[in-house]
Amino acid sequence: MSTSISVRKFEVEDFVSIDHGVKAVTLTIFKGKVQVGTPGWASEMEFSPDQAEAVGKELISRAQKVRKKS
């Protein structure tokens, strides 16, 4: 089961989909202003479990730093 997180919303929506299989975690970014199915509409990155964990930790760390500055 994947999780989608809205990034920005217009008359269409940009979103990030996070999914996993048996060996990797996949992050897909969908661009709502680009017609569905055309080149550039979605870009996908695949991470090993260790890479996914490192990305997650870094995102949390950066989010905490931004909150402290607000």
PDB file of N, CA and C in Angstrom:
ATOM      1  N   MET A   1       0.842  -1.173   0.000  1.00  0.00           N
ATOM      2  CA  MET A   1       0.000   0.000   0.000  1.00  0.00           C
ATOM      3  C   MET A   1       0.888   1.238   0.000  1.00  0.00           C
ATOM      4  N   SER A   2       0.578   2.195  -0.853  1.00  0.00           N
ATOM      5  CA  SER A   2       1.395   3.400  -0.940  1.00  0.00           C
ATOM      6  C   SER A   2       0.766   4.534  -0.127  1.00  0.00           C
ATOM      7  N   THR A   3       1.573   5.552   0.153  1.00  0.00           N
ATOM      8  CA  THR A   3       1.130   6.735   0.864  1.00  0.00           C
ATOM      9  C   THR A   3       1.361   7.935  -0.032  1.00  0.00           C
ATOM     10  N   SER A   4       0.385   8.805  -0.170  1.00  0.00           N
ATOM     11  CA  SER A   4       0.522  10.010  -0.978  1.00  0.00           C
ATOM     12  C   SER A   4       0.470  11.231  -0.075  1.00  0.00           C
ATOM     13  N   ILE A   5       1.353  12.183  -0.351  1.00  0.00           N
ATOM     14  CA  ILE A   5       1.423  13.413   0.428  1.00  0.00           C
ATOM     15  C   ILE A   5       1.273  14.581  -0.538  1.00  0.00           C
ATOM     16  N   SER A   6       0.241  15.401  -0.379  1.00  0.00           N
ATOM     17  CA  SER A   6       0.018  16.538  -1.263  1.00  0.00           C
ATOM     18  C   SER A   6       1.108  17.577  -1.059  1.00  0.00           C
ATOM     19  N   VAL A   7       1.642  18.084  -2.156  1.00  0.00           N
ATOM     20  CA  VAL A   7       2.684  19.090  -2.109  1.00  0.00           C
ATOM     21  C   VAL A   7       2.100  20.463  -2.418  1.00  0.00           C
ATOM     22  N   ARG A   8       1.273  20.531  -3.443  1.00  0.00           N
ATOM     23  CA  ARG A   8       0.723  21.810  -3.873  1.00  0.00           C
ATOM     24  C   ARG A   8      -0.560  21.499  -4.630  1.00  0.00           C
ATOM     25  N   LYS A   9      -1.566  22.355  -4.506  1.00  0.00           N
ATOM     26  CA  LYS A   9      -2.848  22.075  -5.141  1.00  0.00           C
ATOM     27  C   LYS A   9      -3.335  23.286  -5.923  1.00  0.00           C
ATOM     28  N   PHE A  10      -3.647  23.073  -7.185  1.00  0.00           N
ATOM     29  CA  PHE A  10      -4.258  24.078  -8.049  1.00  0.00           C
ATOM     30  C   PHE A  10      -5.568  23.465  -8.515  1.00  0.00           C
ATOM     31  N   GLU A  11      -5.889  23.648  -9.797  1.00  0.00           N
ATOM     32  CA  GLU A  11      -7.023  22.932 -10.337  1.00  0.00           C
ATOM     33  C   GLU A  11      -6.666  21.456 -10.509  1.00  0.00           C
ATOM     34  N   VAL A  12      -5.369  21.181 -10.456  1.00  0.00           N
ATOM     35  CA  VAL A  12      -4.833  19.819 -10.443  1.00  0.00           C
ATOM     36  C   VAL A  12      -3.900  19.723  -9.253  1.00  0.00           C
ATOM     37  N   GLU A  13      -3.401  18.556  -8.963  1.00  0.00           N
ATOM     38  CA  GLU A  13      -2.628  18.380  -7.740  1.00  0.00           C
ATOM     39  C   GLU A  13      -1.265  17.750  -8.019  1.00  0.00           C
ATOM     40  N   ASP A  14      -0.224  18.310  -7.412  1.00  0.00           N
ATOM     41  CA  ASP A  14       1.096  17.678  -7.387  1.00  0.00           C
ATOM     42  C   ASP A  14       1.103  16.761  -6.182  1.00  0.00           C
ATOM     43  N   PHE A  15       1.701  15.603  -6.307  1.00  0.00           N
ATOM     44  CA  PHE A  15       1.789  14.746  -5.136  1.00  0.00           C
ATOM     45  C   PHE A  15       2.963  13.791  -5.229  1.00  0.00           C
ATOM     46  N   VAL A  16       3.321  13.276  -4.072  1.00  0.00           N
ATOM     47  CA  VAL A  16       4.411  12.317  -3.940  1.00  0.00           C
ATOM     48  C   VAL A  16       3.793  10.996  -3.507  1.00  0.00           C
ATOM     49  N   SER A  17       4.176   9.936  -4.183  1.00  0.00           N
ATOM     50  CA  SER A  17       3.704   8.605  -3.818  1.00  0.00           C
ATOM     51  C   SER A  17       4.901   7.801  -3.317  1.00  0.00           C
ATOM     52  N   ILE A  18       4.739   7.169  -2.179  1.00  0.00           N
ATOM     53  CA  ILE A  18       5.798   6.346  -1.597  1.00  0.00           C
ATOM     54  C   ILE A  18       5.272   4.920  -1.514  1.00  0.00           C
ATOM     55  N   ASP A  19       6.022   3.988  -2.100  1.00  0.00           N
ATOM     56  CA  ASP A  19       5.587   2.601  -2.143  1.00  0.00           C
ATOM     57  C   ASP A  19       6.784   1.702  -1.881  1.00  0.00           C
ATOM     58  N   HIS A  20       6.546   0.424  -1.707  1.00  0.00           N
ATOM     59  CA  HIS A  20       7.652  -0.507  -1.511  1.00  0.00           C
ATOM     60  C   HIS A  20       7.302  -1.866  -2.102  1.00  0.00           C
ATOM     61  N   GLY A  21       8.350  -2.582  -2.464  1.00  0.00           N
ATOM     62  CA  GLY A  21       8.220  -3.956  -2.897  1.00  0.00           C
ATOM     63  C   GLY A  21       8.928  -4.826  -1.881  1.00  0.00           C
ATOM     64  N   VAL A  22       9.591  -5.875  -2.368  1.00  0.00           N
ATOM     65  CA  VAL A  22      10.289  -6.764  -1.439  1.00  0.00           C
ATOM     66  C   VAL A  22      11.752  -6.371  -1.249  1.00  0.00           C
ATOM     67  N   LYS A  23      12.315  -5.545  -2.156  1.00  0.00           N
ATOM     68  CA  LYS A  23      13.734  -5.188  -2.054  1.00  0.00           C
ATOM     69  C   LYS A  23      14.019  -3.688  -2.033  1.00  0.00           C
ATOM     70  N   ALA A  24      13.031  -2.857  -2.352  1.00  0.00           N
ATOM     71  CA  ALA A  24      13.314  -1.427  -2.480  1.00  0.00           C
ATOM     72  C   ALA A  24      12.090  -0.592  -2.119  1.00  0.00           C
ATOM     73  N   VAL A  25      12.355   0.694  -1.842  1.00  0.00           N
ATOM     74  CA  VAL A  25      11.330   1.699  -1.600  1.00  0.00           C
ATOM     75  C   VAL A  25      11.333   2.624  -2.807  1.00  0.00           C
ATOM     76  N   THR A  26      10.150   2.925  -3.319  1.00  0.00           N
ATOM     77  CA  THR A  26      10.034   3.765  -4.503  1.00  0.00           C
ATOM     78  C   THR A  26       9.342   5.070  -4.149  1.00  0.00           C
ATOM     79  N   LEU A  27       9.935   6.174  -4.606  1.00  0.00           N
ATOM     80  CA  LEU A  27       9.375   7.506  -4.434  1.00  0.00           C
ATOM     81  C   LEU A  27       9.032   8.016  -5.830  1.00  0.00           C
ATOM     82  N   THR A  28       7.771   8.332  -6.065  1.00  0.00           N
ATOM     83  CA  THR A  28       7.340   8.855  -7.362  1.00  0.00           C
ATOM     84  C   THR A  28       6.747  10.233  -7.145  1.00  0.00           C
ATOM     85  N   ILE A  29       7.226  11.212  -7.914  1.00  0.00           N
ATOM     86  CA  ILE A  29       6.732  12.581  -7.838  1.00  0.00           C
ATOM     87  C   ILE A  29       5.900  12.844  -9.083  1.00  0.00           C
ATOM     88  N   PHE A  30       4.629  13.199  -8.871  1.00  0.00           N
ATOM     89  CA  PHE A  30       3.714  13.484  -9.973  1.00  0.00           C
ATOM     90  C   PHE A  30       3.511  14.991 -10.055  1.00  0.00           C
ATOM     91  N   LYS A  31       3.623  15.530 -11.251  1.00  0.00           N
ATOM     92  CA  LYS A  31       3.493  16.970 -11.471  1.00  0.00           C
ATOM     93  C   LYS A  31       2.123  17.256 -12.073  1.00  0.00           C
ATOM     94  N   GLY A  32       1.263  17.876 -11.293  1.00  0.00           N
ATOM     95  CA  GLY A  32      -0.112  18.100 -11.700  1.00  0.00           C
ATOM     96  C   GLY A  32      -0.307  19.030 -12.879  1.00  0.00           C
ATOM     97  N   LYS A  33       0.647  19.919 -13.137  1.00  0.00           N
ATOM     98  CA  LYS A  33       0.497  20.855 -14.252  1.00  0.00           C
ATOM     99  C   LYS A  33       0.908  20.249 -15.591  1.00  0.00           C
ATOM    100  N   VAL A  34       1.419  19.031 -15.565  1.00  0.00           N
ATOM    101  CA  VAL A  34       1.829  18.348 -16.788  1.00  0.00           C
ATOM    102  C   VAL A  34       0.759  17.319 -17.117  1.00  0.00           C
ATOM    103  N   GLN A  35       0.374  17.247 -18.389  1.00  0.00           N
ATOM    104  CA  GLN A  35      -0.682  16.318 -18.790  1.00  0.00           C
ATOM    105  C   GLN A  35      -0.313  14.885 -18.429  1.00  0.00           C
ATOM    106  N   VAL A  36      -1.268  14.172 -17.875  1.00  0.00           N
ATOM    107  CA  VAL A  36      -1.065  12.790 -17.441  1.00  0.00           C
ATOM    108  C   VAL A  36      -0.513  11.945 -18.581  1.00  0.00           C
ATOM    109  N   GLY A  37       0.561  11.237 -18.282  1.00  0.00           N
ATOM    110  CA  GLY A  37       1.156  10.322 -19.246  1.00  0.00           C
ATOM    111  C   GLY A  37       2.213  10.922 -20.157  1.00  0.00           C
ATOM    112  N   THR A  38       2.336  12.254 -20.188  1.00  0.00           N
ATOM    113  CA  THR A  38       3.348  12.861 -21.046  1.00  0.00           C
ATOM    114  C   THR A  38       4.708  12.803 -20.364  1.00  0.00           C
ATOM    115  N   PRO A  39       5.798  12.881 -21.134  1.00  0.00           N
ATOM    116  CA  PRO A  39       7.125  12.863 -20.517  1.00  0.00           C
ATOM    117  C   PRO A  39       7.255  13.972 -19.476  1.00  0.00           C
ATOM    118  N   GLY A  40       7.802  13.630 -18.331  1.00  0.00           N
ATOM    119  CA  GLY A  40       7.980  14.598 -17.263  1.00  0.00           C
ATOM    120  C   GLY A  40       6.815  14.679 -16.298  1.00  0.00           C
ATOM    121  N   TRP A  41       5.722  13.958 -16.584  1.00  0.00           N
ATOM    122  CA  TRP A  41       4.562  13.984 -15.696  1.00  0.00           C
ATOM    123  C   TRP A  41       4.905  13.375 -14.341  1.00  0.00           C
ATOM    124  N   ALA A  42       5.731  12.332 -14.381  1.00  0.00           N
ATOM    125  CA  ALA A  42       6.121  11.671 -13.134  1.00  0.00           C
ATOM    126  C   ALA A  42       7.596  11.308 -13.208  1.00  0.00           C
ATOM    127  N   SER A  43       8.271  11.406 -12.079  1.00  0.00           N
ATOM    128  CA  SER A  43       9.645  10.929 -12.006  1.00  0.00           C
ATOM    129  C   SER A  43       9.742   9.991 -10.808  1.00  0.00           C
ATOM    130  N   GLU A  44      10.532   8.951 -10.979  1.00  0.00           N
ATOM    131  CA  GLU A  44      10.586   7.898  -9.972  1.00  0.00           C
ATOM    132  C   GLU A  44      12.020   7.679  -9.515  1.00  0.00           C
ATOM    133  N   MET A  45      12.172   7.456  -8.215  1.00  0.00           N
ATOM    134  CA  MET A  45      13.463   7.116  -7.634  1.00  0.00           C
ATOM    135  C   MET A  45      13.286   5.852  -6.810  1.00  0.00           C
ATOM    136  N   GLU A  46      14.246   4.966  -6.906  1.00  0.00           N
ATOM    137  CA  GLU A  46      14.195   3.734  -6.135  1.00  0.00           C
ATOM    138  C   GLU A  46      15.338   3.731  -5.134  1.00  0.00           C
ATOM    139  N   PHE A  47      15.032   3.391  -3.881  1.00  0.00           N
ATOM    140  CA  PHE A  47      16.014   3.397  -2.809  1.00  0.00           C
ATOM    141  C   PHE A  47      16.115   2.019  -2.165  1.00  0.00           C
ATOM    142  N   SER A  48      17.318   1.659  -1.780  1.00  0.00           N
ATOM    143  CA  SER A  48      17.479   0.478  -0.944  1.00  0.00           C
ATOM    144  C   SER A  48      16.890   0.823   0.429  1.00  0.00           C
ATOM    145  N   PRO A  49      16.622  -0.159   1.278  1.00  0.00           N
ATOM    146  CA  PRO A  49      16.109   0.172   2.606  1.00  0.00           C
ATOM    147  C   PRO A  49      17.026   1.130   3.373  1.00  0.00           C
ATOM    148  N   ASP A  50      18.339   0.938   3.280  1.00  0.00           N
ATOM    149  CA  ASP A  50      19.265   1.836   3.987  1.00  0.00           C
ATOM    150  C   ASP A  50      19.203   3.252   3.437  1.00  0.00           C
ATOM    151  N   GLN A  51      19.133   3.387   2.115  1.00  0.00           N
ATOM    152  CA  GLN A  51      19.035   4.712   1.509  1.00  0.00           C
ATOM    153  C   GLN A  51      17.727   5.392   1.901  1.00  0.00           C
ATOM    154  N   ALA A  52      16.629   4.645   1.878  1.00  0.00           N
ATOM    155  CA  ALA A  52      15.326   5.212   2.243  1.00  0.00           C
ATOM    156  C   ALA A  52      15.339   5.704   3.687  1.00  0.00           C
ATOM    157  N   GLU A  53      15.937   4.929   4.554  1.00  0.00           N
ATOM    158  CA  GLU A  53      16.023   5.328   5.956  1.00  0.00           C
ATOM    159  C   GLU A  53      16.860   6.592   6.113  1.00  0.00           C
ATOM    160  N   ALA A  54      17.974   6.683   5.378  1.00  0.00           N
ATOM    161  CA  ALA A  54      18.833   7.868   5.449  1.00  0.00           C
ATOM    162  C   ALA A  54      18.096   9.104   4.939  1.00  0.00           C
ATOM    163  N   VAL A  55      17.354   8.967   3.852  1.00  0.00           N
ATOM    164  CA  VAL A  55      16.577  10.091   3.313  1.00  0.00           C
ATOM    165  C   VAL A  55      15.523  10.520   4.331  1.00  0.00           C
ATOM    166  N   GLY A  56      14.827   9.561   4.913  1.00  0.00           N
ATOM    167  CA  GLY A  56      13.805   9.873   5.909  1.00  0.00           C
ATOM    168  C   GLY A  56      14.374  10.612   7.110  1.00  0.00           C
ATOM    169  N   LYS A  57      15.496  10.147   7.615  1.00  0.00           N
ATOM    170  CA  LYS A  57      16.132  10.802   8.767  1.00  0.00           C
ATOM    171  C   LYS A  57      16.558  12.225   8.418  1.00  0.00           C
ATOM    172  N   GLU A  58      17.088  12.402   7.220  1.00  0.00           N
ATOM    173  CA  GLU A  58      17.528  13.736   6.810  1.00  0.00           C
ATOM    174  C   GLU A  58      16.337  14.677   6.645  1.00  0.00           C
ATOM    175  N   LEU A  59      15.239  14.200   6.088  1.00  0.00           N
ATOM    176  CA  LEU A  59      14.037  15.028   5.961  1.00  0.00           C
ATOM    177  C   LEU A  59      13.524  15.453   7.332  1.00  0.00           C
ATOM    178  N   ILE A  60      13.499  14.541   8.277  1.00  0.00           N
ATOM    179  CA  ILE A  60      13.048  14.870   9.635  1.00  0.00           C
ATOM    180  C   ILE A  60      13.980  15.899  10.265  1.00  0.00           C
ATOM    181  N   SER A  61      15.273  15.703  10.108  1.00  0.00           N
ATOM    182  CA  SER A  61      16.256  16.637  10.660  1.00  0.00           C
ATOM    183  C   SER A  61      16.070  18.040  10.084  1.00  0.00           C
ATOM    184  N   ARG A  62      15.905  18.126   8.784  1.00  0.00           N
ATOM    185  CA  ARG A  62      15.738  19.439   8.147  1.00  0.00           C
ATOM    186  C   ARG A  62      14.427  20.091   8.553  1.00  0.00           C
ATOM    187  N   ALA A  63      13.365  19.302   8.674  1.00  0.00           N
ATOM    188  CA  ALA A  63      12.074  19.843   9.096  1.00  0.00           C
ATOM    189  C   ALA A  63      12.187  20.432  10.505  1.00  0.00           C
ATOM    190  N   GLN A  64      12.890  19.756  11.379  1.00  0.00           N
ATOM    191  CA  GLN A  64      13.077  20.249  12.752  1.00  0.00           C
ATOM    192  C   GLN A  64      13.858  21.552  12.758  1.00  0.00           C
ATOM    193  N   LYS A  65      14.873  21.658  11.915  1.00  0.00           N
ATOM    194  CA  LYS A  65      15.662  22.885  11.839  1.00  0.00           C
ATOM    195  C   LYS A  65      14.825  24.048  11.334  1.00  0.00           C
ATOM    196  N   VAL A  66      13.967  23.798  10.346  1.00  0.00           N
ATOM    197  CA  VAL A  66      13.109  24.855   9.813  1.00  0.00           C
ATOM    198  C   VAL A  66      12.114  25.298  10.880  1.00  0.00           C
ATOM    199  N   ARG A  67      11.535  24.360  11.616  1.00  0.00           N
ATOM    200  CA  ARG A  67      10.576  24.725  12.673  1.00  0.00           C
ATOM    201  C   ARG A  67      11.226  25.592  13.743  1.00  0.00           C
ATOM    202  N   LYS A  68      12.467  25.307  14.082  1.00  0.00           N
ATOM    203  CA  LYS A  68      13.162  26.085  15.113  1.00  0.00           C
ATOM    204  C   LYS A  68      13.372  27.534  14.672  1.00  0.00           C
ATOM    205  N   LYS A  69      13.514  27.762  13.360  1.00  0.00           N
ATOM    206  CA  LYS A  69      13.755  29.109  12.842  1.00  0.00           C
ATOM    207  C   LYS A  69      12.463  29.919  12.738  1.00  0.00           C
ATOM    208  N   SER A  70      11.321  29.251  12.765  1.00  0.00           N
ATOM    209  CA  SER A  70      10.034  29.961  12.610  1.00  0.00           C
ATOM    210  C   SER A  70       9.615  30.638  13.880  1.00  0.00           C
TER     211      SER A  70
END
